Amino acid sequence: MASVIAPTIPRQGARVGDVACDESYSCPDDSTCCKTTTGDWACCPFAKAVCCDDHEHCCPSGTTCDLATLSCEQGSGSTPMQQKIPAFATRAFTTTQTESQLTECDPHTTCPQGTTCCFMKTPQKWGCCPLPEVRMVFYIKK
């Protein structure tokens, strides 16, 4: 059975607007591909981001990484660094990425190991939360 990595990306190629890390991995639009400590690709949630030297965090464009304080420094102040999330595969599984390394969201969608499938109300498809075993909580307004 065919399977894709969420957000729903066909194995044949990335969606229009996705950021290609290389021929096998990509990140969502308005994000930046950065390498991890293991040499894999990860996604920083900023366009044209600064990939920090610890290979775990990133900062917005125009800032510098301060690894001592885990902050992004800019002349006017600082903001917390962001943790990267795994990039998603845009090709068929290889020997380095097997079915056992994926979390199944439904019969057609999977997320990388260490993430949780989260259904997004808008645009009505699966996404990967960058934390393992996330519990979805719904609040009802009274």
Protein backbone atom coordinates (compact mmCIF):
# COMPACT_ATOMS: atom_id res chain seq x y z
CA MET A 1 0.00 0.00 0.00
CA ALA A 2 1.36 3.45 -0.93
CA SER A 3 2.21 5.76 1.93
CA VAL A 4 3.34 9.37 2.19
CA ILE A 5 4.94 11.50 4.86
CA ALA A 6 2.57 14.13 6.31
CA PRO A 7 1.83 16.87 5.51
CA THR A 8 0.39 15.00 2.55
CA ILE A 9 3.18 14.96 0.01
CA PRO A 10 3.11 12.52 -2.89
CA ARG A 11 6.15 10.29 -3.18
CA GLN A 12 6.68 11.40 -6.76
CA GLY A 13 7.69 14.92 -5.69
CA ALA A 14 7.16 17.81 -3.36
CA ARG A 15 4.15 20.09 -3.46
CA VAL A 16 4.48 23.42 -5.22
CA GLY A 17 5.95 25.88 -2.73
CA ASP A 18 7.74 23.33 -0.55
CA VAL A 19 11.42 23.98 0.14
CA ALA A 20 13.60 21.23 -1.33
CA CYS A 21 16.49 20.21 0.95
CA ASP A 22 17.83 17.76 -1.65
CA GLU A 23 16.31 15.29 -4.09
CA SER A 24 14.86 13.17 -1.27
CA TYR A 25 13.74 15.59 1.47
CA SER A 26 11.82 18.83 1.72
CA CYS A 27 10.33 21.23 4.26
CA PRO A 28 7.06 23.20 4.25
CA ASP A 29 6.84 26.52 2.44
CA ASP A 30 8.22 29.48 4.45
CA SER A 31 10.68 27.25 6.32
CA THR A 32 14.40 26.50 5.96
CA CYS A 33 16.27 23.21 5.59
CA CYS A 34 19.06 22.73 8.17
CA LYS A 35 21.30 19.73 8.87
CA THR A 36 21.08 17.86 12.18
CA THR A 37 23.93 16.45 14.27
CA THR A 38 23.46 13.13 12.45
CA GLY A 39 23.62 14.78 9.01
CA ASP A 40 19.90 14.35 8.33
CA TRP A 41 17.66 17.20 7.20
CA ALA A 42 15.38 19.10 9.56
CA CYS A 43 13.03 22.04 9.09
CA CYS A 44 13.28 25.40 10.79
CA PRO A 45 9.91 27.22 10.95
CA PHE A 46 11.34 30.47 9.50
CA ALA A 47 11.98 31.46 5.87
CA LYS A 48 15.69 32.11 5.20
CA ALA A 49 16.51 31.09 8.78
CA VAL A 50 19.90 30.97 10.46
CA CYS A 51 20.86 27.34 11.22
CA CYS A 52 22.68 27.33 14.57
CA ASP A 53 26.03 25.57 15.04
CA ASP A 54 24.57 23.09 17.56
CA HIS A 55 22.59 21.56 14.63
CA GLU A 56 19.47 21.42 16.86
CA HIS A 57 18.16 25.00 16.85
CA CYS A 58 17.57 27.85 14.44
CA CYS A 59 16.81 31.55 14.46
CA PRO A 60 14.95 34.03 12.24
CA SER A 61 16.78 35.76 9.40
CA GLY A 62 18.80 38.78 10.54
CA THR A 63 19.60 37.35 13.99
CA THR A 64 22.54 35.41 15.39
CA CYS A 65 22.47 32.26 17.49
CA ASP A 66 23.60 32.62 21.10
CA LEU A 67 24.11 29.02 22.19
CA ALA A 68 24.96 30.01 25.77
CA THR A 69 21.50 31.53 26.34
CA LEU A 70 19.65 29.54 23.63
CA SER A 71 18.40 32.80 22.17
CA CYS A 72 18.39 34.60 18.85
CA GLU A 73 20.14 37.92 19.24
CA GLN A 74 19.37 41.09 17.34
CA GLY A 75 20.33 44.68 18.08
CA SER A 76 16.92 45.46 19.59
CA GLY A 77 16.70 42.37 21.82
CA SER A 78 16.48 38.61 21.76
CA THR A 79 13.95 35.84 21.19
CA PRO A 80 14.11 32.13 22.12
CA MET A 81 15.70 29.77 19.60
CA GLN A 82 13.38 27.35 17.79
CA GLN A 83 13.88 23.59 17.77
CA LYS A 84 13.88 22.06 14.30
CA ILE A 85 11.50 19.29 13.22
CA PRO A 86 12.37 16.39 10.89
CA ALA A 87 12.13 17.06 7.16
CA PHE A 88 9.73 14.89 5.19
CA ALA A 89 10.66 12.43 2.50
CA THR A 90 9.60 13.23 -1.03
CA ARG A 91 10.71 9.92 -2.54
CA ALA A 92 9.94 6.26 -1.95
CA PHE A 93 11.37 4.58 1.15
CA THR A 94 15.00 3.59 0.99
CA THR A 95 17.01 1.18 3.10
CA THR A 96 17.71 4.07 5.51
CA GLN A 97 14.00 4.86 6.00
CA THR A 98 11.84 1.83 6.59
CA GLU A 99 8.19 1.33 7.44
CA SER A 100 9.15 0.56 11.07
CA GLN A 101 10.67 4.05 11.40
CA LEU A 102 7.35 5.73 10.63
CA THR A 103 4.17 6.41 12.58
CA GLU A 104 1.02 5.60 10.62
CA CYS A 105 -1.65 8.32 10.69
CA ASP A 106 -4.03 6.51 8.34
CA PRO A 107 -3.55 3.96 5.54
CA HIS A 108 -2.16 6.68 3.23
CA THR A 109 -0.21 9.04 5.52
CA THR A 110 2.74 8.61 7.87
CA CYS A 111 4.96 10.78 10.06
CA PRO A 112 8.66 10.37 10.93
CA GLN A 113 9.54 8.41 14.06
CA GLY A 114 9.48 10.58 17.19
CA THR A 115 6.58 12.72 15.96
CA THR A 116 2.82 12.43 16.39
CA CYS A 117 0.11 12.46 13.74
CA CYS A 118 -2.14 15.50 14.27
CA PHE A 119 -5.18 16.12 12.11
CA MET A 120 -5.36 19.75 11.01
CA LYS A 121 -8.87 21.17 10.88
CA THR A 122 -7.73 23.49 8.12
CA PRO A 123 -6.75 22.22 5.47
CA GLN A 124 -8.41 18.92 6.52
CA LYS A 125 -5.31 16.73 6.38
CA TRP A 126 -2.67 15.17 8.60
CA GLY A 127 0.40 17.00 9.86
CA CYS A 128 3.29 15.85 12.05
CA CYS A 129 3.59 17.37 15.52
CA PRO A 130 7.30 17.60 16.42
CA LEU A 131 6.80 15.78 19.75
CA PRO A 132 6.26 12.08 20.47
CA GLU A 133 2.89 10.89 21.82
CA VAL A 134 1.05 14.24 21.73
CA ARG A 135 -2.47 14.05 23.11
CA MET A 136 -5.04 16.15 21.30
CA VAL A 137 -7.31 18.08 23.67
CA PHE A 138 -10.48 19.75 22.46
CA TYR A 139 -12.17 22.52 24.42
CA ILE A 140 -15.87 23.23 24.02
CA LYS A 141 -16.94 26.85 24.41
CA LYS A 142 -20.02 27.35 26.53
